[in-house]
Protein backbone atom coordinates (compact mmCIF):
# COMPACT_ATOMS: atom_id res chain seq x y z
CA MET A 1 73.56 62.45 84.36
CA GLU A 2 71.55 62.32 87.59
CA ILE A 3 68.60 64.67 88.07
CA VAL A 4 66.22 65.34 90.93
CA CYS A 5 62.48 64.77 90.86
CA PRO A 6 60.58 67.64 89.15
CA VAL A 7 57.94 67.69 91.92
CA LYS A 8 58.05 67.50 95.70
CA LYS A 9 54.37 66.69 96.18
CA THR A 10 51.85 64.73 94.12
CA ARG A 11 48.08 64.44 94.20
CA TRP A 12 48.46 61.98 97.10
CA GLY A 13 51.01 63.88 99.14
CA PRO A 14 54.82 64.11 99.32
CA VAL A 15 56.96 61.44 97.68
CA THR A 16 60.39 61.00 99.23
CA THR A 17 61.67 57.72 97.78
CA LYS A 18 61.99 56.26 94.30
CA VAL A 19 59.99 53.19 95.34
CA GLU A 20 57.04 55.43 96.32
CA PHE A 21 57.38 57.44 93.12
CA VAL A 22 57.36 54.38 90.85
CA ALA A 23 54.38 52.91 92.73
CA LEU A 24 52.46 56.17 92.29
CA ILE A 25 53.06 56.27 88.54
CA ARG A 26 52.20 52.58 88.20
CA THR A 27 48.84 53.10 89.91
CA TYR A 28 47.78 56.58 88.78
CA GLY A 29 50.17 57.82 86.06
CA GLN A 30 51.81 56.53 82.93
CA PHE A 31 55.25 55.03 82.35
CA PHE A 32 57.72 55.64 79.55
CA GLY A 33 57.26 53.46 76.43
CA VAL A 34 53.57 52.55 76.86
CA ASP A 35 50.30 53.85 75.41
CA GLN A 36 47.51 54.54 77.89
CA SER A 37 46.18 57.58 76.03
CA GLY A 38 42.76 56.04 75.34
CA PRO A 39 40.49 56.65 72.33
CA ALA A 40 41.48 59.64 70.22
CA CYS A 41 37.87 60.88 70.14
CA ASN A 42 38.10 61.60 73.88
CA TYR A 43 40.34 64.55 73.00
CA ASN A 44 38.60 65.76 69.84
CA PRO A 45 35.18 64.51 68.67
CA THR A 46 36.37 64.56 65.06
CA TYR A 47 39.11 62.00 65.82
CA PRO A 48 38.38 58.25 65.53
CA CYS A 49 37.30 56.23 68.54
CA ASP A 50 38.89 52.99 67.33
CA GLN A 51 42.45 54.31 67.64
CA SER A 52 44.37 55.61 70.63
CA LEU A 53 45.38 59.27 70.59
CA TYR A 54 49.08 58.34 70.26
CA ALA A 55 48.42 55.98 67.37
CA TYR A 56 46.17 58.42 65.52
CA MET A 57 48.62 61.31 65.92
CA GLY A 58 51.57 59.11 64.93
CA TRP A 59 53.44 59.79 68.16
CA GLY A 60 54.34 56.20 68.99
CA PRO A 61 54.71 55.02 72.60
CA HIS A 62 54.80 57.49 75.49
CA LYS A 63 58.04 59.50 75.43
CA GLY A 64 58.08 60.40 79.13
CA ILE A 65 56.31 59.79 82.42
CA ASP A 66 53.00 61.26 83.64
CA ILE A 67 52.99 62.40 87.28
CA PRO A 68 49.50 63.02 88.78
CA LEU A 69 49.32 66.38 90.55
CA ASN A 70 46.87 68.82 92.06
CA GLU A 71 46.15 72.06 90.24
CA ASP A 72 48.78 74.74 91.01
CA GLU A 73 51.28 72.15 92.32
CA ALA A 74 54.85 73.44 92.09
CA ILE A 75 57.15 72.12 89.34
CA PHE A 76 60.92 72.47 89.67
CA ALA A 77 64.00 72.40 87.44
CA VAL A 78 65.65 68.99 87.78
CA ALA A 79 69.16 70.30 87.07
CA ASP A 80 71.03 73.53 86.27
CA GLY A 81 70.17 74.66 82.76
CA LYS A 82 68.61 77.19 80.40
CA CYS A 83 65.10 77.61 79.01
CA ILE A 84 65.30 77.02 75.26
CA ARG A 85 61.60 76.74 74.45
CA LEU A 86 58.18 77.72 75.80
CA SER A 87 55.10 76.13 74.25
CA ASP A 88 51.42 76.91 74.13
CA SER A 89 49.91 74.36 71.77
CA ILE A 90 46.65 72.43 71.53
CA THR A 91 48.47 69.16 72.27
CA GLN A 92 51.20 70.10 74.76
CA GLY A 93 49.40 72.93 76.50
CA LEU A 94 51.68 75.34 78.34
CA GLY A 95 55.15 73.84 78.50
CA ILE A 96 58.85 74.35 79.05
CA ILE A 97 62.01 72.77 77.65
CA LEU A 98 65.26 73.18 79.57
CA LYS A 99 68.70 72.48 78.12
CA HIS A 100 71.36 70.88 80.32
CA LYS A 101 74.69 69.20 79.53
CA ASN A 102 73.88 66.49 76.94
CA LEU A 103 70.26 66.46 78.09
CA GLU A 104 66.98 68.30 77.56
CA THR A 105 64.08 68.09 80.03
CA VAL A 106 60.46 68.69 79.03
CA TYR A 107 57.55 69.86 81.22
CA TRP A 108 54.08 69.85 79.53
CA HIS A 109 50.45 70.66 80.51
CA ASN A 110 51.28 73.51 82.90
CA LYS A 111 48.88 76.12 84.21
CA GLU A 112 51.55 78.80 84.26
CA ASN A 113 55.16 79.00 83.11
CA LEU A 114 57.16 81.00 85.67
CA ILE A 115 60.35 81.49 83.63
CA ILE A 116 61.07 83.21 80.32
CA LEU A 117 62.82 82.07 77.17
CA GLY A 118 66.59 82.17 77.58
CA GLN A 119 66.48 82.28 81.38
CA GLU A 120 69.18 80.40 83.29
CA VAL A 121 67.90 78.18 86.11
CA LYS A 122 69.41 76.28 89.00
CA GLN A 123 68.47 72.80 90.14
CA GLY A 124 65.40 73.09 92.38
CA ASP A 125 64.22 76.45 91.02
CA LEU A 126 60.45 76.85 90.74
CA ILE A 127 59.65 76.99 87.01
CA ALA A 128 55.93 76.25 86.59
CA LYS A 129 52.60 75.38 88.18
CA ALA A 130 50.65 72.25 87.25
CA ASP A 131 47.35 71.99 85.42
CA ASN A 132 45.57 70.10 82.67
CA THR A 133 46.27 72.22 79.57
CA GLY A 134 46.55 70.68 76.10
CA PHE A 135 45.55 67.10 75.31
CA SER A 136 45.31 65.84 78.86
CA SER A 137 42.71 63.81 80.73
CA SER A 138 43.57 65.02 84.25
CA THR A 139 45.92 67.39 86.09
CA HIS A 140 49.46 66.06 85.78
CA LEU A 141 52.99 66.78 84.64
CA HIS A 142 54.22 65.10 81.47
CA PHE A 143 57.98 64.93 82.04
CA GLU A 144 60.48 63.89 79.35
CA THR A 145 64.25 63.49 79.21
CA ARG A 146 65.96 63.73 75.82
CA LYS A 147 69.61 62.85 75.35
CA THR A 148 71.58 65.27 73.14
CA ASP A 149 75.10 65.32 71.72
CA ASP A 150 77.81 67.85 72.61
CA ILE A 151 76.40 70.48 70.25
CA GLY A 152 72.78 70.00 71.30
CA ASN A 153 71.45 67.70 68.58
CA PHE A 154 68.76 65.21 69.61
CA VAL A 155 70.05 61.64 70.11
CA ASN A 156 67.20 59.69 71.72
CA TYR A 157 64.51 59.67 74.39
CA VAL A 158 65.50 58.30 77.80
CA ASP A 159 63.23 56.89 80.50
CA PRO A 160 63.27 59.63 83.19
CA LEU A 161 63.05 57.03 85.95
CA THR A 162 66.56 55.83 85.08
CA LEU A 163 67.93 59.33 85.78
CA ILE A 164 65.90 60.63 88.74
CA SER A 165 67.65 60.47 92.11
CA PHE A 166 65.81 60.97 95.40
CA GLU A 167 68.63 62.51 97.41
CA GLU A 168 67.51 63.96 100.72
CA VAL A 169 67.05 67.72 100.71
CA MET A 170 68.15 70.17 103.39
CA THR A 171 65.99 71.89 105.99
CA GLU A 172 66.37 75.58 106.89
CA GLN A 173 68.11 74.60 110.11
CA GLU A 174 70.61 72.44 108.24
CA VAL A 175 71.42 75.30 105.85
CA LYS A 176 71.96 77.64 108.82
CA GLN A 177 74.31 75.09 110.38
CA LEU A 178 76.31 74.84 107.14
CA GLN A 179 76.58 78.63 106.96
CA ALA A 180 77.72 78.78 110.60
CA LEU A 181 80.44 76.21 109.87
CA GLU A 182 81.66 78.47 107.06
CA GLY A 183 81.56 81.50 109.34
CA TYR A 184 78.77 83.56 107.81
CA SER A 185 75.01 84.12 107.93
CA ASP A 186 72.81 84.71 104.86
CA PRO A 187 69.02 84.65 105.52
CA GLU A 188 68.21 84.90 101.80
CA GLY A 189 70.55 81.98 101.16
CA VAL A 190 68.74 79.95 103.81
CA VAL A 191 65.43 80.48 102.02
CA TYR A 192 67.02 79.65 98.65
CA TRP A 193 68.82 76.45 99.71
CA ALA A 194 66.15 74.99 102.00
CA GLY A 195 64.53 72.13 100.12
CA LYS A 196 67.54 71.58 97.85
CA PRO A 197 70.08 68.70 97.98
CA LEU A 198 73.31 69.06 99.92
CA SER A 199 75.28 68.05 96.81
CA ALA A 200 73.92 71.06 94.89
CA TYR A 201 74.90 73.40 97.75
CA LEU A 202 78.43 72.00 97.91
CA LYS A 203 78.81 72.24 94.14
CA ALA A 204 77.79 75.90 94.19
CA ARG A 205 79.99 76.79 97.19
CA LEU A 206 83.13 74.94 96.05
CA PRO A 207 84.48 77.69 93.71
CA ASP A 208 84.22 80.26 96.53
CA LYS A 209 86.06 77.97 98.95
CA VAL A 210 88.83 77.30 96.42
CA LYS A 211 89.19 81.06 95.86
CA VAL A 212 89.53 81.70 99.60
CA ILE A 213 92.14 78.97 99.95
CA LYS A 214 94.19 80.32 97.03
CA GLU A 215 94.06 83.86 98.43
CA SER A 216 95.32 82.62 101.79
CA LEU A 217 98.40 80.94 100.27
């Protein structure tokens, strides 16, 4: 399953290609499967300084990727789905888990969650704002992807970088042109679809087009 990037802008500006994104995480963030958490005592003075936070807590290697962001940076849903959990814990901070088809996506350390439990979301919807809540050394998004079976049971963690696609997104003018080709104008739709991939627009519009064709037969 392909997903889009959960952010459009990082601490060092917009990222539009996967090469740029990987380079940013390599230099300033943290990859999947490593442990750069640092001494546990940095997060709680009662924890030992001779063990990393991950080792002391028994978490194992990093289960996602860390994306460095500015405070209040927008965080988006990477695919259509539903909010199945909101967190507010000492370790995760404010967070969200979305359920998709055979996949769950996780967004930790937020400043504010902008959706509610049970809410349905579309790919590209604004769901949270970034911060440094929980066990975190700087403002960033901890983003995980978890593979699930057909009934929603956890299967395994997946490196998000293997799933993220950097498809070009549409401008307002391009959305207007698409609407004109279909013979209608929808200003609210322009605002909604601007900044989203063309593939998502076509997927959403296809059922309506099929209906029109069937009615004309």
